[in-house]
Amino acid sequence: METIRIQFQPNLKSKILELLSSFSENEVQIIQEDPSFEKNKRILEEELKNIESGKSKCISMEELDLVMEKIISTYED
């Protein structure tokens, strides 16, 4: 199957869905888009830029575990 993304005016939604419902589920599947997709995409693109430019500091899972243990221990008491 192929996927396309379309934008339309809200008043056209019922007409588009009516047209698409004339096809079987094997022919067309309607996939609801995540409303926060664009926001998440922008955040991830910015993070990728920071990684590629060297602005972000990467640590190993072991280092992360040590940092998290230290943070957790401060709140346990």
PDB file of N, CA and C in Angstrom:
ATOM      1  N   MET A   1       0.833  -1.182   0.000  1.00  0.00           N
ATOM      2  CA  MET A   1       0.000   0.000   0.000  1.00  0.00           C
ATOM      3  C   MET A   1       0.875   1.241   0.000  1.00  0.00           C
ATOM      4  N   GLU A   2       0.354   2.322  -0.500  1.00  0.00           N
ATOM      5  CA  GLU A   2       1.017   3.613  -0.473  1.00  0.00           C
ATOM      6  C   GLU A   2       0.265   4.524   0.472  1.00  0.00           C
ATOM      7  N   THR A   3       0.960   5.548   0.946  1.00  0.00           N
ATOM      8  CA  THR A   3       0.352   6.512   1.859  1.00  0.00           C
ATOM      9  C   THR A   3       0.525   7.911   1.293  1.00  0.00           C
ATOM     10  N   ILE A   4      -0.551   8.710   1.374  1.00  0.00           N
ATOM     11  CA  ILE A   4      -0.463  10.121   1.009  1.00  0.00           C
ATOM     12  C   ILE A   4      -1.022  10.939   2.164  1.00  0.00           C
ATOM     13  N   ARG A   5      -0.598  12.164   2.219  1.00  0.00           N
ATOM     14  CA  ARG A   5      -1.095  13.074   3.252  1.00  0.00           C
ATOM     15  C   ARG A   5      -1.762  14.239   2.536  1.00  0.00           C
ATOM     16  N   ILE A   6      -2.989  14.560   2.933  1.00  0.00           N
ATOM     17  CA  ILE A   6      -3.699  15.659   2.287  1.00  0.00           C
ATOM     18  C   ILE A   6      -4.168  16.661   3.337  1.00  0.00           C
ATOM     19  N   GLN A   7      -4.262  17.908   2.916  1.00  0.00           N
ATOM     20  CA  GLN A   7      -4.844  18.942   3.759  1.00  0.00           C
ATOM     21  C   GLN A   7      -6.098  19.436   3.054  1.00  0.00           C
ATOM     22  N   PHE A   8      -7.135  19.704   3.842  1.00  0.00           N
ATOM     23  CA  PHE A   8      -8.397  20.151   3.257  1.00  0.00           C
ATOM     24  C   PHE A   8      -9.122  21.046   4.241  1.00  0.00           C
ATOM     25  N   GLN A   9     -10.050  21.792   3.727  1.00  0.00           N
ATOM     26  CA  GLN A   9     -10.884  22.648   4.565  1.00  0.00           C
ATOM     27  C   GLN A   9     -11.817  21.757   5.388  1.00  0.00           C
ATOM     28  N   PRO A  10     -12.075  22.128   6.640  1.00  0.00           N
ATOM     29  CA  PRO A  10     -12.912  21.296   7.518  1.00  0.00           C
ATOM     30  C   PRO A  10     -14.283  20.946   6.932  1.00  0.00           C
ATOM     31  N   ASN A  11     -14.854  21.832   6.140  1.00  0.00           N
ATOM     32  CA  ASN A  11     -16.183  21.547   5.590  1.00  0.00           C
ATOM     33  C   ASN A  11     -16.151  20.439   4.530  1.00  0.00           C
ATOM     34  N   LEU A  12     -14.976  20.049   4.072  1.00  0.00           N
ATOM     35  CA  LEU A  12     -14.873  18.985   3.068  1.00  0.00           C
ATOM     36  C   LEU A  12     -14.690  17.597   3.677  1.00  0.00           C
ATOM     37  N   LYS A  13     -14.445  17.529   4.960  1.00  0.00           N
ATOM     38  CA  LYS A  13     -14.132  16.247   5.601  1.00  0.00           C
ATOM     39  C   LYS A  13     -15.201  15.192   5.352  1.00  0.00           C
ATOM     40  N   SER A  14     -16.459  15.528   5.536  1.00  0.00           N
ATOM     41  CA  SER A  14     -17.520  14.528   5.368  1.00  0.00           C
ATOM     42  C   SER A  14     -17.578  14.027   3.929  1.00  0.00           C
ATOM     43  N   LYS A  15     -17.359  14.909   2.958  1.00  0.00           N
ATOM     44  CA  LYS A  15     -17.378  14.497   1.554  1.00  0.00           C
ATOM     45  C   LYS A  15     -16.210  13.570   1.233  1.00  0.00           C
ATOM     46  N   ILE A  16     -15.054  13.908   1.757  1.00  0.00           N
ATOM     47  CA  ILE A  16     -13.877  13.070   1.515  1.00  0.00           C
ATOM     48  C   ILE A  16     -14.052  11.707   2.149  1.00  0.00           C
ATOM     49  N   LEU A  17     -14.537  11.684   3.395  1.00  0.00           N
ATOM     50  CA  LEU A  17     -14.763  10.403   4.073  1.00  0.00           C
ATOM     51  C   LEU A  17     -15.832   9.573   3.372  1.00  0.00           C
ATOM     52  N   GLU A  18     -16.845  10.231   2.853  1.00  0.00           N
ATOM     53  CA  GLU A  18     -17.892   9.525   2.106  1.00  0.00           C
ATOM     54  C   GLU A  18     -17.296   8.860   0.863  1.00  0.00           C
ATOM     55  N   LEU A  19     -16.463   9.594   0.147  1.00  0.00           N
ATOM     56  CA  LEU A  19     -15.809   9.031  -1.035  1.00  0.00           C
ATOM     57  C   LEU A  19     -14.918   7.851  -0.652  1.00  0.00           C
ATOM     58  N   LEU A  20     -14.119   8.023   0.369  1.00  0.00           N
ATOM     59  CA  LEU A  20     -13.205   6.962   0.776  1.00  0.00           C
ATOM     60  C   LEU A  20     -13.934   5.731   1.301  1.00  0.00           C
ATOM     61  N   SER A  21     -15.089   5.935   1.905  1.00  0.00           N
ATOM     62  CA  SER A  21     -15.845   4.795   2.432  1.00  0.00           C
ATOM     63  C   SER A  21     -16.434   3.919   1.331  1.00  0.00           C
ATOM     64  N   SER A  22     -16.420   4.410   0.108  1.00  0.00           N
ATOM     65  CA  SER A  22     -16.918   3.594  -1.002  1.00  0.00           C
ATOM     66  C   SER A  22     -15.932   2.496  -1.389  1.00  0.00           C
ATOM     67  N   PHE A  23     -14.706   2.584  -0.883  1.00  0.00           N
ATOM     68  CA  PHE A  23     -13.693   1.555  -1.137  1.00  0.00           C
ATOM     69  C   PHE A  23     -13.683   0.549   0.007  1.00  0.00           C
ATOM     70  N   SER A  24     -13.222  -0.659  -0.285  1.00  0.00           N
ATOM     71  CA  SER A  24     -13.133  -1.678   0.764  1.00  0.00           C
ATOM     72  C   SER A  24     -11.924  -1.383   1.658  1.00  0.00           C
ATOM     73  N   GLU A  25     -11.892  -2.019   2.833  1.00  0.00           N
ATOM     74  CA  GLU A  25     -10.765  -1.825   3.752  1.00  0.00           C
ATOM     75  C   GLU A  25      -9.471  -2.368   3.172  1.00  0.00           C
ATOM     76  N   ASN A  26      -9.576  -3.313   2.251  1.00  0.00           N
ATOM     77  CA  ASN A  26      -8.378  -3.845   1.588  1.00  0.00           C
ATOM     78  C   ASN A  26      -7.798  -2.840   0.598  1.00  0.00           C
ATOM     79  N   GLU A  27      -8.642  -1.916   0.115  1.00  0.00           N
ATOM     80  CA  GLU A  27      -8.199  -0.932  -0.869  1.00  0.00           C
ATOM     81  C   GLU A  27      -7.722   0.366  -0.216  1.00  0.00           C
ATOM     82  N   VAL A  28      -8.442   0.814   0.810  1.00  0.00           N
ATOM     83  CA  VAL A  28      -8.139   2.101   1.453  1.00  0.00           C
ATOM     84  C   VAL A  28      -8.277   1.954   2.961  1.00  0.00           C
ATOM     85  N   GLN A  29      -7.274   2.420   3.678  1.00  0.00           N
ATOM     86  CA  GLN A  29      -7.346   2.475   5.133  1.00  0.00           C
ATOM     87  C   GLN A  29      -7.161   3.925   5.554  1.00  0.00           C
ATOM     88  N   ILE A  30      -8.030   4.407   6.415  1.00  0.00           N
ATOM     89  CA  ILE A  30      -7.927   5.781   6.909  1.00  0.00           C
ATOM     90  C   ILE A  30      -7.114   5.748   8.193  1.00  0.00           C
ATOM     91  N   ILE A  31      -6.027   6.488   8.182  1.00  0.00           N
ATOM     92  CA  ILE A  31      -5.121   6.544   9.327  1.00  0.00           C
ATOM     93  C   ILE A  31      -5.208   7.937   9.927  1.00  0.00           C
ATOM     94  N   GLN A  32      -5.642   7.994  11.169  1.00  0.00           N
ATOM     95  CA  GLN A  32      -5.744   9.291  11.838  1.00  0.00           C
ATOM     96  C   GLN A  32      -4.347   9.782  12.184  1.00  0.00           C
ATOM     97  N   GLU A  33      -4.069  11.026  11.855  1.00  0.00           N
ATOM     98  CA  GLU A  33      -2.753  11.591  12.122  1.00  0.00           C
ATOM     99  C   GLU A  33      -2.662  12.063  13.560  1.00  0.00           C
ATOM    100  N   ASP A  34      -1.504  11.881  14.146  1.00  0.00           N
ATOM    101  CA  ASP A  34      -1.228  12.343  15.494  1.00  0.00           C
ATOM    102  C   ASP A  34      -1.260  13.874  15.500  1.00  0.00           C
ATOM    103  N   PRO A  35      -2.109  14.488  16.313  1.00  0.00           N
ATOM    104  CA  PRO A  35      -2.216  15.955  16.298  1.00  0.00           C
ATOM    105  C   PRO A  35      -0.931  16.663  16.714  1.00  0.00           C
ATOM    106  N   SER A  36      -0.063  15.991  17.433  1.00  0.00           N
ATOM    107  CA  SER A  36       1.192  16.630  17.863  1.00  0.00           C
ATOM    108  C   SER A  36       2.369  16.256  16.969  1.00  0.00           C
ATOM    109  N   PHE A  37       2.096  15.639  15.817  1.00  0.00           N
ATOM    110  CA  PHE A  37       3.163  15.185  14.922  1.00  0.00           C
ATOM    111  C   PHE A  37       4.094  16.326  14.514  1.00  0.00           C
ATOM    112  N   GLU A  38       3.546  17.432  14.029  1.00  0.00           N
ATOM    113  CA  GLU A  38       4.373  18.540  13.543  1.00  0.00           C
ATOM    114  C   GLU A  38       5.216  19.134  14.672  1.00  0.00           C
ATOM    115  N   LYS A  39       4.631  19.278  15.860  1.00  0.00           N
ATOM    116  CA  LYS A  39       5.374  19.808  17.006  1.00  0.00           C
ATOM    117  C   LYS A  39       6.537  18.875  17.356  1.00  0.00           C
ATOM    118  N   ASN A  40       6.254  17.574  17.432  1.00  0.00           N
ATOM    119  CA  ASN A  40       7.293  16.596  17.736  1.00  0.00           C
ATOM    120  C   ASN A  40       8.367  16.570  16.665  1.00  0.00           C
ATOM    121  N   LYS A  41       7.957  16.710  15.422  1.00  0.00           N
ATOM    122  CA  LYS A  41       8.909  16.720  14.313  1.00  0.00           C
ATOM    123  C   LYS A  41       9.879  17.894  14.447  1.00  0.00           C
ATOM    124  N   ARG A  42       9.352  19.080  14.755  1.00  0.00           N
ATOM    125  CA  ARG A  42      10.210  20.255  14.925  1.00  0.00           C
ATOM    126  C   ARG A  42      11.192  20.064  16.082  1.00  0.00           C
ATOM    127  N   ILE A  43      10.706  19.512  17.187  1.00  0.00           N
ATOM    128  CA  ILE A  43      11.568  19.270  18.350  1.00  0.00           C
ATOM    129  C   ILE A  43      12.692  18.308  17.989  1.00  0.00           C
ATOM    130  N   LEU A  44      12.346  17.223  17.313  1.00  0.00           N
ATOM    131  CA  LEU A  44      13.352  16.224  16.950  1.00  0.00           C
ATOM    132  C   LEU A  44      14.346  16.758  15.930  1.00  0.00           C
ATOM    133  N   GLU A  45      13.867  17.570  14.991  1.00  0.00           N
ATOM    134  CA  GLU A  45      14.781  18.173  14.013  1.00  0.00           C
ATOM    135  C   GLU A  45      15.776  19.099  14.711  1.00  0.00           C
ATOM    136  N   GLU A  46      15.312  19.861  15.701  1.00  0.00           N
ATOM    137  CA  GLU A  46      16.197  20.739  16.460  1.00  0.00           C
ATOM    138  C   GLU A  46      17.213  19.927  17.248  1.00  0.00           C
ATOM    139  N   GLU A  47      16.765  18.842  17.862  1.00  0.00           N
ATOM    140  CA  GLU A  47      17.678  17.974  18.600  1.00  0.00           C
ATOM    141  C   GLU A  47      18.734  17.372  17.680  1.00  0.00           C
ATOM    142  N   LEU A  48      18.325  16.955  16.485  1.00  0.00           N
ATOM    143  CA  LEU A  48      19.271  16.394  15.526  1.00  0.00           C
ATOM    144  C   LEU A  48      20.320  17.436  15.131  1.00  0.00           C
ATOM    145  N   LYS A  49      19.892  18.678  14.909  1.00  0.00           N
ATOM    146  CA  LYS A  49      20.845  19.762  14.597  1.00  0.00           C
ATOM    147  C   LYS A  49      21.862  19.928  15.727  1.00  0.00           C
ATOM    148  N   ASN A  50      21.361  19.885  16.966  1.00  0.00           N
ATOM    149  CA  ASN A  50      22.258  20.032  18.120  1.00  0.00           C
ATOM    150  C   ASN A  50      23.265  18.885  18.197  1.00  0.00           C
ATOM    151  N   ILE A  51      22.839  17.682  17.903  1.00  0.00           N
ATOM    152  CA  ILE A  51      23.729  16.531  17.916  1.00  0.00           C
ATOM    153  C   ILE A  51      24.772  16.667  16.817  1.00  0.00           C
ATOM    154  N   GLU A  52      24.316  17.004  15.608  1.00  0.00           N
ATOM    155  CA  GLU A  52      25.231  17.116  14.470  1.00  0.00           C
ATOM    156  C   GLU A  52      26.224  18.264  14.637  1.00  0.00           C
ATOM    157  N   SER A  53      25.808  19.338  15.301  1.00  0.00           N
ATOM    158  CA  SER A  53      26.693  20.492  15.485  1.00  0.00           C
ATOM    159  C   SER A  53      27.620  20.333  16.686  1.00  0.00           C
ATOM    160  N   GLY A  54      27.367  19.326  17.513  1.00  0.00           N
ATOM    161  CA  GLY A  54      28.197  19.121  18.693  1.00  0.00           C
ATOM    162  C   GLY A  54      27.714  19.862  19.926  1.00  0.00           C
ATOM    163  N   LYS A  55      26.566  20.548  19.830  1.00  0.00           N
ATOM    164  CA  LYS A  55      26.027  21.277  20.990  1.00  0.00           C
ATOM    165  C   LYS A  55      25.518  20.325  22.067  1.00  0.00           C
ATOM    166  N   SER A  56      25.026  19.153  21.665  1.00  0.00           N
ATOM    167  CA  SER A  56      24.489  18.190  22.623  1.00  0.00           C
ATOM    168  C   SER A  56      25.610  17.298  23.142  1.00  0.00           C
ATOM    169  N   LYS A  57      25.531  16.974  24.410  1.00  0.00           N
ATOM    170  CA  LYS A  57      26.496  16.072  25.012  1.00  0.00           C
ATOM    171  C   LYS A  57      25.859  14.688  25.101  1.00  0.00           C
ATOM    172  N   CYS A  58      26.505  13.713  24.557  1.00  0.00           N
ATOM    173  CA  CYS A  58      25.995  12.344  24.604  1.00  0.00           C
ATOM    174  C   CYS A  58      26.708  11.579  25.718  1.00  0.00           C
ATOM    175  N   ILE A  59      25.938  10.737  26.403  1.00  0.00           N
ATOM    176  CA  ILE A  59      26.524   9.900  27.439  1.00  0.00           C
ATOM    177  C   ILE A  59      26.067   8.468  27.225  1.00  0.00           C
ATOM    178  N   SER A  60      26.816   7.538  27.810  1.00  0.00           N
ATOM    179  CA  SER A  60      26.467   6.121  27.688  1.00  0.00           C
ATOM    180  C   SER A  60      25.310   5.793  28.631  1.00  0.00           C
ATOM    181  N   MET A  61      24.743   4.629  28.429  1.00  0.00           N
ATOM    182  CA  MET A  61      23.658   4.173  29.308  1.00  0.00           C
ATOM    183  C   MET A  61      24.171   4.000  30.737  1.00  0.00           C
ATOM    184  N   GLU A  62      25.415   3.564  30.876  1.00  0.00           N
ATOM    185  CA  GLU A  62      25.997   3.395  32.201  1.00  0.00           C
ATOM    186  C   GLU A  62      26.129   4.744  32.912  1.00  0.00           C
ATOM    187  N   GLU A  63      26.587   5.760  32.169  1.00  0.00           N
ATOM    188  CA  GLU A  63      26.692   7.101  32.755  1.00  0.00           C
ATOM    189  C   GLU A  63      25.315   7.638  33.140  1.00  0.00           C
ATOM    190  N   LEU A  64      24.334   7.420  32.291  1.00  0.00           N
ATOM    191  CA  LEU A  64      22.971   7.846  32.590  1.00  0.00           C
ATOM    192  C   LEU A  64      22.460   7.167  33.851  1.00  0.00           C
ATOM    193  N   ASP A  65      22.732   5.883  33.975  1.00  0.00           N
ATOM    194  CA  ASP A  65      22.295   5.134  35.151  1.00  0.00           C
ATOM    195  C   ASP A  65      22.898   5.721  36.431  1.00  0.00           C
ATOM    196  N   LEU A  66      24.191   6.070  36.374  1.00  0.00           N
ATOM    197  CA  LEU A  66      24.840   6.662  37.539  1.00  0.00           C
ATOM    198  C   LEU A  66      24.221   8.019  37.892  1.00  0.00           C
ATOM    199  N   VAL A  67      23.970   8.838  36.904  1.00  0.00           N
ATOM    200  CA  VAL A  67      23.360  10.149  37.133  1.00  0.00           C
ATOM    201  C   VAL A  67      21.970   9.988  37.724  1.00  0.00           C
ATOM    202  N   MET A  68      21.193   9.076  37.167  1.00  0.00           N
ATOM    203  CA  MET A  68      19.821   8.863  37.648  1.00  0.00           C
ATOM    204  C   MET A  68      19.815   8.319  39.071  1.00  0.00           C
ATOM    205  N   GLU A  69      20.724   7.413  39.377  1.00  0.00           N
ATOM    206  CA  GLU A  69      20.818   6.878  40.740  1.00  0.00           C
ATOM    207  C   GLU A  69      21.129   7.995  41.738  1.00  0.00           C
ATOM    208  N   LYS A  70      22.024   8.911  41.341  1.00  0.00           N
ATOM    209  CA  LYS A  70      22.384  10.029  42.213  1.00  0.00           C
ATOM    210  C   LYS A  70      21.176  10.934  42.450  1.00  0.00           C
ATOM    211  N   ILE A  71      20.426  11.224  41.390  1.00  0.00           N
ATOM    212  CA  ILE A  71      19.241  12.076  41.507  1.00  0.00           C
ATOM    213  C   ILE A  71      18.180  11.402  42.373  1.00  0.00           C
ATOM    214  N   ILE A  72      17.935  10.139  42.123  1.00  0.00           N
ATOM    215  CA  ILE A  72      16.922   9.397  42.887  1.00  0.00           C
ATOM    216  C   ILE A  72      17.294   9.342  44.372  1.00  0.00           C
ATOM    217  N   SER A  73      18.564   9.117  44.637  1.00  0.00           N
ATOM    218  CA  SER A  73      18.995   9.004  46.043  1.00  0.00           C
ATOM    219  C   SER A  73      18.789  10.298  46.811  1.00  0.00           C
ATOM    220  N   THR A  74      18.857  11.440  46.144  1.00  0.00           N
ATOM    221  CA  THR A  74      18.637  12.715  46.839  1.00  0.00           C
ATOM    222  C   THR A  74      17.181  12.875  47.270  1.00  0.00           C
ATOM    223  N   TYR A  75      16.262  12.218  46.606  1.00  0.00           N
ATOM    224  CA  TYR A  75      14.833  12.348  46.929  1.00  0.00           C
ATOM    225  C   TYR A  75      14.316  11.197  47.793  1.00  0.00           C
ATOM    226  N   GLU A  76      15.113  10.171  47.996  1.00  0.00           N
ATOM    227  CA  GLU A  76      14.660   9.025  48.787  1.00  0.00           C
ATOM    228  C   GLU A  76      14.625   9.310  50.280  1.00  0.00           C
ATOM    229  N   ASP A  77      15.462  10.185  50.745  1.00  0.00           N
ATOM    230  CA  ASP A  77      15.567  10.434  52.197  1.00  0.00           C
ATOM    231  C   ASP A  77      14.513  11.375  52.684  1.00  0.00           C
TER     232      ASP A  77
END
